[in-house]
PDB file of N, CA and C in Angstrom:
ATOM      1  N   MET A   1       8.394  32.695 -13.408  1.00  0.00           N
ATOM      2  CA  MET A   1       8.993  32.663 -11.686  1.00  0.00           C
ATOM      3  C   MET A   1       8.306  30.881 -11.471  1.00  0.00           C
ATOM      4  N   ARG A   2       9.636  30.155 -10.990  1.00  0.00           N
ATOM      5  CA  ARG A   2       9.218  29.080 -10.839  1.00  0.00           C
ATOM      6  C   ARG A   2       8.399  28.545  -9.863  1.00  0.00           C
ATOM      7  N   LYS A   3       7.946  27.635 -10.060  1.00  0.00           N
ATOM      8  CA  LYS A   3       6.478  26.882  -8.949  1.00  0.00           C
ATOM      9  C   LYS A   3       7.313  26.421  -7.627  1.00  0.00           C
ATOM     10  N   THR A   4       6.572  26.506  -6.760  1.00  0.00           N
ATOM     11  CA  THR A   4       7.341  26.041  -5.282  1.00  0.00           C
ATOM     12  C   THR A   4       6.338  25.178  -4.672  1.00  0.00           C
ATOM     13  N   ILE A   5       6.627  24.259  -3.937  1.00  0.00           N
ATOM     14  CA  ILE A   5       5.948  24.020  -3.063  1.00  0.00           C
ATOM     15  C   ILE A   5       6.263  23.831  -1.722  1.00  0.00           C
ATOM     16  N   THR A   6       4.804  24.106  -0.739  1.00  0.00           N
ATOM     17  CA  THR A   6       5.212  24.562   0.723  1.00  0.00           C
ATOM     18  C   THR A   6       5.118  23.270   1.513  1.00  0.00           C
ATOM     19  N   VAL A   7       6.379  23.037   2.428  1.00  0.00           N
ATOM     20  CA  VAL A   7       6.807  22.530   3.629  1.00  0.00           C
ATOM     21  C   VAL A   7       6.370  22.756   4.610  1.00  0.00           C
ATOM     22  N   VAL A   8       5.433  21.779   5.222  1.00  0.00           N
ATOM     23  CA  VAL A   8       4.976  22.463   6.831  1.00  0.00           C
ATOM     24  C   VAL A   8       5.427  21.896   7.902  1.00  0.00           C
ATOM     25  N   SER A   9       5.840  22.430   9.089  1.00  0.00           N
ATOM     26  CA  SER A   9       6.320  21.319  10.528  1.00  0.00           C
ATOM     27  C   SER A   9       5.602  22.211  11.623  1.00  0.00           C
ATOM     28  N   SER A  10       6.152  21.870  12.837  1.00  0.00           N
ATOM     29  CA  SER A  10       5.481  22.424  14.145  1.00  0.00           C
ATOM     30  C   SER A  10       6.312  23.266  14.456  1.00  0.00           C
ATOM     31  N   HIS A  11       7.436  23.772  13.641  1.00  0.00           N
ATOM     32  CA  HIS A  11       8.578  24.942  14.127  1.00  0.00           C
ATOM     33  C   HIS A  11       8.138  26.244  12.791  1.00  0.00           C
ATOM     34  N   GLY A  12       7.138  25.831  11.800  1.00  0.00           N
ATOM     35  CA  GLY A  12       6.374  26.623  10.677  1.00  0.00           C
ATOM     36  C   GLY A  12       6.827  26.200   9.330  1.00  0.00           C
ATOM     37  N   ARG A  13       6.837  26.925   8.191  1.00  0.00           N
ATOM     38  CA  ARG A  13       6.989  26.435   6.883  1.00  0.00           C
ATOM     39  C   ARG A  13       8.279  27.295   6.231  1.00  0.00           C
ATOM     40  N   PHE A  14       8.356  26.781   4.887  1.00  0.00           N
ATOM     41  CA  PHE A  14       9.368  26.843   3.961  1.00  0.00           C
ATOM     42  C   PHE A  14       8.837  26.742   2.659  1.00  0.00           C
ATOM     43  N   GLU A  15       9.418  27.571   1.652  1.00  0.00           N
ATOM     44  CA  GLU A  15       9.107  26.883   0.048  1.00  0.00           C
ATOM     45  C   GLU A  15      10.680  26.215  -0.024  1.00  0.00           C
ATOM     46  N   VAL A  16       9.964  25.335  -1.263  1.00  0.00           N
ATOM     47  CA  VAL A  16      11.090  24.558  -2.144  1.00  0.00           C
ATOM     48  C   VAL A  16      10.891  24.503  -3.514  1.00  0.00           C
ATOM     49  N   ASP A  17      11.829  24.550  -4.439  1.00  0.00           N
ATOM     50  CA  ASP A  17      11.539  24.461  -5.831  1.00  0.00           C
ATOM     51  C   ASP A  17      11.135  23.372  -6.115  1.00  0.00           C
ATOM     52  N   ALA A  18       9.772  23.524  -6.911  1.00  0.00           N
ATOM     53  CA  ALA A  18       9.157  22.091  -7.334  1.00  0.00           C
ATOM     54  C   ALA A  18       9.426  21.261  -7.980  1.00  0.00           C
ATOM     55  N   LEU A  19      10.490  21.707  -8.532  1.00  0.00           N
ATOM     56  CA  LEU A  19      11.465  20.501  -9.653  1.00  0.00           C
ATOM     57  C   LEU A  19      12.328  19.812  -8.695  1.00  0.00           C
ATOM     58  N   THR A  20      13.428  20.544  -7.989  1.00  0.00           N
ATOM     59  CA  THR A  20      14.558  20.429  -7.696  1.00  0.00           C
ATOM     60  C   THR A  20      14.629  19.817  -5.905  1.00  0.00           C
ATOM     61  N   GLY A  21      13.397  20.556  -5.499  1.00  0.00           N
ATOM     62  CA  GLY A  21      13.442  20.240  -3.891  1.00  0.00           C
ATOM     63  C   GLY A  21      14.416  21.269  -3.298  1.00  0.00           C
ATOM     64  N   ALA A  22      15.064  21.980  -3.698  1.00  0.00           N
ATOM     65  CA  ALA A  22      16.231  22.780  -3.391  1.00  0.00           C
ATOM     66  C   ALA A  22      15.142  24.250  -2.513  1.00  0.00           C
ATOM     67  N   VAL A  23      15.477  24.474  -0.780  1.00  0.00           N
ATOM     68  CA  VAL A  23      14.588  25.731  -0.278  1.00  0.00           C
ATOM     69  C   VAL A  23      14.770  27.208  -1.171  1.00  0.00           C
ATOM     70  N   THR A  24      13.875  27.757  -1.240  1.00  0.00           N
ATOM     71  CA  THR A  24      13.795  28.317  -1.817  1.00  0.00           C
ATOM     72  C   THR A  24      13.279  29.672  -1.111  1.00  0.00           C
ATOM     73  N   THR A  25      12.972  29.762   0.440  1.00  0.00           N
ATOM     74  CA  THR A  25      13.039  30.302   1.116  1.00  0.00           C
ATOM     75  C   THR A  25      14.319  30.997   1.800  1.00  0.00           C
ATOM     76  N   ALA A  26      14.681  32.516   1.774  1.00  0.00           N
ATOM     77  CA  ALA A  26      15.581  32.988   2.410  1.00  0.00           C
ATOM     78  C   ALA A  26      15.922  32.569   4.001  1.00  0.00           C
ATOM     79  N   ILE A  27      17.158  32.394   4.149  1.00  0.00           N
ATOM     80  CA  ILE A  27      17.922  32.020   5.123  1.00  0.00           C
ATOM     81  C   ILE A  27      17.658  32.411   6.333  1.00  0.00           C
ATOM     82  N   ASP A  28      17.238  33.844   6.332  1.00  0.00           N
ATOM     83  CA  ASP A  28      16.818  34.878   7.519  1.00  0.00           C
ATOM     84  C   ASP A  28      15.408  34.437   7.380  1.00  0.00           C
ATOM     85  N   ASP A  29      14.526  34.146   6.729  1.00  0.00           N
ATOM     86  CA  ASP A  29      13.185  33.660   6.407  1.00  0.00           C
ATOM     87  C   ASP A  29      13.083  32.600   7.331  1.00  0.00           C
ATOM     88  N   MET A  30      13.801  31.630   7.307  1.00  0.00           N
ATOM     89  CA  MET A  30      13.469  30.093   7.894  1.00  0.00           C
ATOM     90  C   MET A  30      13.487  29.809   9.066  1.00  0.00           C
ATOM     91  N   PRO A  31      12.835  28.949   9.575  1.00  0.00           N
ATOM     92  CA  PRO A  31      12.224  28.873  11.320  1.00  0.00           C
ATOM     93  C   PRO A  31      13.757  28.302  11.684  1.00  0.00           C
ATOM     94  N   THR A  32      13.996  28.853  12.562  1.00  0.00           N
ATOM     95  CA  THR A  32      15.446  28.776  13.474  1.00  0.00           C
ATOM     96  C   THR A  32      15.805  27.151  13.072  1.00  0.00           C
ATOM     97  N   PRO A  33      14.995  26.256  13.408  1.00  0.00           N
ATOM     98  CA  PRO A  33      15.332  24.844  13.733  1.00  0.00           C
ATOM     99  C   PRO A  33      15.251  24.113  12.332  1.00  0.00           C
ATOM    100  N   LEU A  34      14.749  24.803  11.274  1.00  0.00           N
ATOM    101  CA  LEU A  34      15.069  24.491  10.116  1.00  0.00           C
ATOM    102  C   LEU A  34      16.164  24.796   9.122  1.00  0.00           C
ATOM    103  N   ALA A  35      16.781  26.103   9.707  1.00  0.00           N
ATOM    104  CA  ALA A  35      18.009  26.723   9.026  1.00  0.00           C
ATOM    105  C   ALA A  35      18.711  25.890   8.257  1.00  0.00           C
ATOM    106  N   GLU A  36      19.069  24.540   8.694  1.00  0.00           N
ATOM    107  CA  GLU A  36      20.159  23.858   8.274  1.00  0.00           C
ATOM    108  C   GLU A  36      19.484  23.205   7.129  1.00  0.00           C
ATOM    109  N   ILE A  37      18.366  23.305   6.566  1.00  0.00           N
ATOM    110  CA  ILE A  37      18.007  22.178   5.432  1.00  0.00           C
ATOM    111  C   ILE A  37      18.223  23.064   4.108  1.00  0.00           C
ATOM    112  N   ALA A  38      18.805  22.052   3.440  1.00  0.00           N
ATOM    113  CA  ALA A  38      19.063  22.837   1.747  1.00  0.00           C
ATOM    114  C   ALA A  38      18.077  22.350   1.019  1.00  0.00           C
ATOM    115  N   ARG A  39      17.689  20.985   1.194  1.00  0.00           N
ATOM    116  CA  ARG A  39      16.535  20.154   0.194  1.00  0.00           C
ATOM    117  C   ARG A  39      15.952  19.367   0.643  1.00  0.00           C
ATOM    118  N   VAL A  40      14.714  19.092  -0.167  1.00  0.00           N
ATOM    119  CA  VAL A  40      13.799  17.899   0.200  1.00  0.00           C
ATOM    120  C   VAL A  40      13.943  17.157  -0.776  1.00  0.00           C
ATOM    121  N   ASN A  41      13.494  15.721  -0.528  1.00  0.00           N
ATOM    122  CA  ASN A  41      13.645  14.879  -1.912  1.00  0.00           C
ATOM    123  C   ASN A  41      12.547  14.555  -2.350  1.00  0.00           C
ATOM    124  N   LEU A  42      12.093  15.322  -3.112  1.00  0.00           N
ATOM    125  CA  LEU A  42      10.364  15.530  -3.772  1.00  0.00           C
ATOM    126  C   LEU A  42      10.499  14.134  -4.979  1.00  0.00           C
ATOM    127  N   ALA A  43      11.374  13.875  -5.054  1.00  0.00           N
ATOM    128  CA  ALA A  43      11.602  12.742  -6.679  1.00  0.00           C
ATOM    129  C   ALA A  43      10.776  11.638  -5.519  1.00  0.00           C
ATOM    130  N   GLU A  44      11.549  11.362  -4.325  1.00  0.00           N
ATOM    131  CA  GLU A  44      11.107   9.801  -3.686  1.00  0.00           C
ATOM    132  C   GLU A  44       9.802  10.332  -3.255  1.00  0.00           C
ATOM    133  N   TYR A  45       9.364  11.483  -2.726  1.00  0.00           N
ATOM    134  CA  TYR A  45       7.732  11.727  -2.446  1.00  0.00           C
ATOM    135  C   TYR A  45       7.117  11.054  -3.481  1.00  0.00           C
ATOM    136  N   ARG A  46       7.343  11.929  -4.883  1.00  0.00           N
ATOM    137  CA  ARG A  46       6.457  11.290  -5.744  1.00  0.00           C
ATOM    138  C   ARG A  46       6.231   9.997  -6.479  1.00  0.00           C
ATOM    139  N   GLN A  47       7.709   9.380  -5.884  1.00  0.00           N
ATOM    140  CA  GLN A  47       7.674   8.094  -6.268  1.00  0.00           C
ATOM    141  C   GLN A  47       6.666   7.025  -5.269  1.00  0.00           C
ATOM    142  N   TRP A  48       6.801   7.620  -4.270  1.00  0.00           N
ATOM    143  CA  TRP A  48       5.848   7.186  -3.336  1.00  0.00           C
ATOM    144  C   TRP A  48       4.493   7.169  -3.247  1.00  0.00           C
ATOM    145  N   CYS A  49       4.356   8.079  -3.456  1.00  0.00           N
ATOM    146  CA  CYS A  49       2.759   8.357  -3.854  1.00  0.00           C
ATOM    147  C   CYS A  49       2.259   7.792  -4.772  1.00  0.00           C
ATOM    148  N   ALA A  50       3.005   7.848  -6.064  1.00  0.00           N
ATOM    149  CA  ALA A  50       2.307   6.867  -6.777  1.00  0.00           C
ATOM    150  C   ALA A  50       2.297   5.462  -6.600  1.00  0.00           C
ATOM    151  N   SER A  51       3.289   4.800  -5.876  1.00  0.00           N
ATOM    152  CA  SER A  51       3.070   3.623  -5.585  1.00  0.00           C
ATOM    153  C   SER A  51       1.691   3.519  -4.419  1.00  0.00           C
ATOM    154  N   GLU A  52       1.337   4.485  -3.938  1.00  0.00           N
ATOM    155  CA  GLU A  52       0.257   4.101  -3.162  1.00  0.00           C
ATOM    156  C   GLU A  52      -1.123   4.818  -3.844  1.00  0.00           C
ATOM    157  N   GLY A  53      -0.822   5.209  -5.108  1.00  0.00           N
ATOM    158  CA  GLY A  53      -2.015   5.730  -5.706  1.00  0.00           C
ATOM    159  C   GLY A  53      -2.724   7.358  -5.656  1.00  0.00           C
ATOM    160  N   LEU A  54      -2.033   8.227  -5.128  1.00  0.00           N
ATOM    161  CA  LEU A  54      -1.739   9.573  -4.264  1.00  0.00           C
ATOM    162  C   LEU A  54      -1.654   9.947  -5.666  1.00  0.00           C
ATOM    163  N   THR A  55      -2.240  11.509  -5.346  1.00  0.00           N
ATOM    164  CA  THR A  55      -1.530  12.778  -5.760  1.00  0.00           C
ATOM    165  C   THR A  55      -0.926  13.362  -4.995  1.00  0.00           C
ATOM    166  N   PRO A  56       0.446  13.872  -5.537  1.00  0.00           N
ATOM    167  CA  PRO A  56       1.308  14.509  -4.769  1.00  0.00           C
ATOM    168  C   PRO A  56       0.839  16.053  -4.039  1.00  0.00           C
ATOM    169  N   ALA A  57       0.883  16.438  -3.121  1.00  0.00           N
ATOM    170  CA  ALA A  57       0.571  17.901  -2.930  1.00  0.00           C
ATOM    171  C   ALA A  57       1.347  18.933  -2.969  1.00  0.00           C
ATOM    172  N   ASP A  58       0.676  19.990  -3.154  1.00  0.00           N
ATOM    173  CA  ASP A  58       1.808  21.020  -3.134  1.00  0.00           C
ATOM    174  C   ASP A  58       1.901  21.929  -1.484  1.00  0.00           C
ATOM    175  N   ILE A  59       1.599  21.595  -0.617  1.00  0.00           N
ATOM    176  CA  ILE A  59       1.877  21.574   0.800  1.00  0.00           C
ATOM    177  C   ILE A  59       1.820  20.504   1.484  1.00  0.00           C
ATOM    178  N   ILE A  60       2.909  19.964   1.682  1.00  0.00           N
ATOM    179  CA  ILE A  60       3.657  18.471   2.440  1.00  0.00           C
ATOM    180  C   ILE A  60       3.752  18.683   4.031  1.00  0.00           C
ATOM    181  N   ASP A  61       3.660  17.801   5.132  1.00  0.00           N
ATOM    182  CA  ASP A  61       4.058  17.867   5.741  1.00  0.00           C
ATOM    183  C   ASP A  61       5.596  17.078   5.970  1.00  0.00           C
ATOM    184  N   ILE A  62       6.355  17.958   6.778  1.00  0.00           N
ATOM    185  CA  ILE A  62       7.848  17.711   6.560  1.00  0.00           C
ATOM    186  C   ILE A  62       8.430  16.416   7.109  1.00  0.00           C
ATOM    187  N   LEU A  63       7.383  15.743   7.896  1.00  0.00           N
ATOM    188  CA  LEU A  63       7.623  14.158   8.013  1.00  0.00           C
ATOM    189  C   LEU A  63       7.470  13.457   6.832  1.00  0.00           C
ATOM    190  N   LEU A  64       6.755  13.531   5.851  1.00  0.00           N
ATOM    191  CA  LEU A  64       6.902  13.043   4.789  1.00  0.00           C
ATOM    192  C   LEU A  64       8.073  12.966   3.849  1.00  0.00           C
ATOM    193  N   LEU A  65       8.851  13.879   4.176  1.00  0.00           N
ATOM    194  CA  LEU A  65       9.741  13.675   2.866  1.00  0.00           C
ATOM    195  C   LEU A  65      11.173  13.447   3.699  1.00  0.00           C
ATOM    196  N   GLY A  66      12.170  12.905   2.580  1.00  0.00           N
ATOM    197  CA  GLY A  66      13.485  13.005   2.904  1.00  0.00           C
ATOM    198  C   GLY A  66      13.894  14.039   2.851  1.00  0.00           C
ATOM    199  N   ILE A  67      14.933  14.522   3.755  1.00  0.00           N
ATOM    200  CA  ILE A  67      15.376  15.792   4.249  1.00  0.00           C
ATOM    201  C   ILE A  67      17.237  15.593   3.804  1.00  0.00           C
ATOM    202  N   VAL A  68      17.584  16.798   3.312  1.00  0.00           N
ATOM    203  CA  VAL A  68      18.986  17.144   3.259  1.00  0.00           C
ATOM    204  C   VAL A  68      19.130  18.371   3.701  1.00  0.00           C
ATOM    205  N   SER A  69      20.329  18.118   4.845  1.00  0.00           N
ATOM    206  CA  SER A  69      20.693  19.309   5.677  1.00  0.00           C
ATOM    207  C   SER A  69      21.892  19.633   5.117  1.00  0.00           C
ATOM    208  N   MET A  70      22.538  20.609   5.591  1.00  0.00           N
ATOM    209  CA  MET A  70      23.768  21.161   5.288  1.00  0.00           C
ATOM    210  C   MET A  70      24.627  21.611   6.599  1.00  0.00           C
ATOM    211  N   ASP A  71      26.006  21.410   7.131  1.00  0.00           N
ATOM    212  CA  ASP A  71      26.078  21.765   8.518  1.00  0.00           C
ATOM    213  C   ASP A  71      26.960  23.379   7.957  1.00  0.00           C
ATOM    214  N   ASP A  72      27.769  23.561   8.937  1.00  0.00           N
ATOM    215  CA  ASP A  72      28.531  24.828   8.595  1.00  0.00           C
ATOM    216  C   ASP A  72      29.350  24.765   7.703  1.00  0.00           C
ATOM    217  N   GLN A  73      30.168  23.511   7.865  1.00  0.00           N
ATOM    218  CA  GLN A  73      31.351  22.934   6.791  1.00  0.00           C
ATOM    219  C   GLN A  73      31.082  22.916   5.638  1.00  0.00           C
ATOM    220  N   GLY A  74      29.535  22.658   5.346  1.00  0.00           N
ATOM    221  CA  GLY A  74      29.336  22.101   3.807  1.00  0.00           C
ATOM    222  C   GLY A  74      29.128  20.888   3.763  1.00  0.00           C
ATOM    223  N   ASN A  75      28.634  20.064   4.781  1.00  0.00           N
ATOM    224  CA  ASN A  75      28.602  18.345   4.744  1.00  0.00           C
ATOM    225  C   ASN A  75      27.164  18.240   4.712  1.00  0.00           C
ATOM    226  N   GLU A  76      26.649  17.352   4.013  1.00  0.00           N
ATOM    227  CA  GLU A  76      25.446  16.950   3.765  1.00  0.00           C
ATOM    228  C   GLU A  76      25.271  15.981   4.798  1.00  0.00           C
ATOM    229  N   ARG A  77      23.462  16.105   5.543  1.00  0.00           N
ATOM    230  CA  ARG A  77      23.043  14.769   6.263  1.00  0.00           C
ATOM    231  C   ARG A  77      21.801  14.581   5.514  1.00  0.00           C
ATOM    232  N   PHE A  78      21.637  13.116   5.252  1.00  0.00           N
ATOM    233  CA  PHE A  78      20.718  13.196   5.098  1.00  0.00           C
ATOM    234  C   PHE A  78      19.513  12.472   6.226  1.00  0.00           C
ATOM    235  N   GLU A  79      18.241  12.738   6.015  1.00  0.00           N
ATOM    236  CA  GLU A  79      17.019  12.161   6.770  1.00  0.00           C
ATOM    237  C   GLU A  79      16.081  11.485   6.251  1.00  0.00           C
ATOM    238  N   ASP A  80      15.582  10.240   6.313  1.00  0.00           N
ATOM    239  CA  ASP A  80      14.552   9.709   5.537  1.00  0.00           C
ATOM    240  C   ASP A  80      13.347  10.125   6.261  1.00  0.00           C
ATOM    241  N   PRO A  81      12.505  10.107   5.527  1.00  0.00           N
ATOM    242  CA  PRO A  81      10.813  10.248   5.478  1.00  0.00           C
ATOM    243  C   PRO A  81      10.455   9.732   7.018  1.00  0.00           C
ATOM    244  N   GLU A  82       9.521   9.859   7.888  1.00  0.00           N
ATOM    245  CA  GLU A  82       9.035   9.357   8.688  1.00  0.00           C
ATOM    246  C   GLU A  82       7.783   8.436   8.091  1.00  0.00           C
ATOM    247  N   TRP A  83       8.649   6.961   8.087  1.00  0.00           N
ATOM    248  CA  TRP A  83       7.701   6.069   7.983  1.00  0.00           C
ATOM    249  C   TRP A  83       6.213   5.678   8.492  1.00  0.00           C
ATOM    250  N   ALA A  84       6.642   6.194   9.887  1.00  0.00           N
ATOM    251  CA  ALA A  84       5.142   6.298  10.798  1.00  0.00           C
ATOM    252  C   ALA A  84       4.093   7.175  10.128  1.00  0.00           C
ATOM    253  N   ALA A  85       4.714   8.136   9.907  1.00  0.00           N
ATOM    254  CA  ALA A  85       3.653   9.231   9.557  1.00  0.00           C
ATOM    255  C   ALA A  85       2.819   9.114   7.919  1.00  0.00           C
ATOM    256  N   ARG A  86       4.076   8.605   7.249  1.00  0.00           N
ATOM    257  CA  ARG A  86       3.235   8.150   5.993  1.00  0.00           C
ATOM    258  C   ARG A  86       2.456   6.957   6.613  1.00  0.00           C
ATOM    259  N   SER A  87       2.244   5.932   7.343  1.00  0.00           N
ATOM    260  CA  SER A  87       1.229   5.215   7.446  1.00  0.00           C
ATOM    261  C   SER A  87       0.152   5.707   8.213  1.00  0.00           C
ATOM    262  N   ASP A  88       0.518   6.412   9.045  1.00  0.00           N
ATOM    263  CA  ASP A  88      -0.885   7.265   9.660  1.00  0.00           C
ATOM    264  C   ASP A  88      -1.436   7.757   8.196  1.00  0.00           C
ATOM    265  N   LEU A  89      -0.840   8.463   7.458  1.00  0.00           N
ATOM    266  CA  LEU A  89      -1.617   9.075   6.668  1.00  0.00           C
ATOM    267  C   LEU A  89      -2.430   8.350   5.863  1.00  0.00           C
ATOM    268  N   LEU A  90      -1.684   7.460   5.562  1.00  0.00           N
ATOM    269  CA  LEU A  90      -2.868   6.420   4.233  1.00  0.00           C
ATOM    270  C   LEU A  90      -3.773   5.825   4.992  1.00  0.00           C
ATOM    271  N   LEU A  91      -3.721   5.503   6.708  1.00  0.00           N
ATOM    272  CA  LEU A  91      -4.845   4.753   7.199  1.00  0.00           C
ATOM    273  C   LEU A  91      -5.855   6.011   7.526  1.00  0.00           C
ATOM    274  N   GLU A  92      -5.522   7.675   7.635  1.00  0.00           N
ATOM    275  CA  GLU A  92      -6.247   8.448   7.756  1.00  0.00           C
ATOM    276  C   GLU A  92      -7.238   8.537   6.244  1.00  0.00           C
ATOM    277  N   ILE A  93      -6.459   8.608   5.223  1.00  0.00           N
ATOM    278  CA  ILE A  93      -7.297   8.676   4.167  1.00  0.00           C
ATOM    279  C   ILE A  93      -8.418   7.646   3.681  1.00  0.00           C
ATOM    280  N   ALA A  94      -8.088   6.150   4.408  1.00  0.00           N
ATOM    281  CA  ALA A  94      -8.798   5.090   4.119  1.00  0.00           C
ATOM    282  C   ALA A  94      -9.869   4.755   5.102  1.00  0.00           C
ATOM    283  N   ALA A  95      -9.906   5.116   6.180  1.00  0.00           N
ATOM    284  CA  ALA A  95     -11.089   5.798   7.099  1.00  0.00           C
ATOM    285  C   ALA A  95     -12.126   6.381   6.342  1.00  0.00           C
TER     286      ALA A  95
END
């Protein structure tokens, strides 16, 4: 079985493939507000962690990740990570 990463948000949690970032949670089990998410950008997240001297987590707040959503017509929409959330995390670690 492939390794997964847990993504958490205020709406619930879901699993993604640890290599590709593709959502592995069944669509019927996805929290409704998150059902359009197709994958997360783990490569960019890992690169950011490395640049900050952090170890990438196995449970990640959704705000720290770039998101790729898919609409009903198959069009992709990209959302950048929340830079304020990343700054807050760094401040919390430094405290």
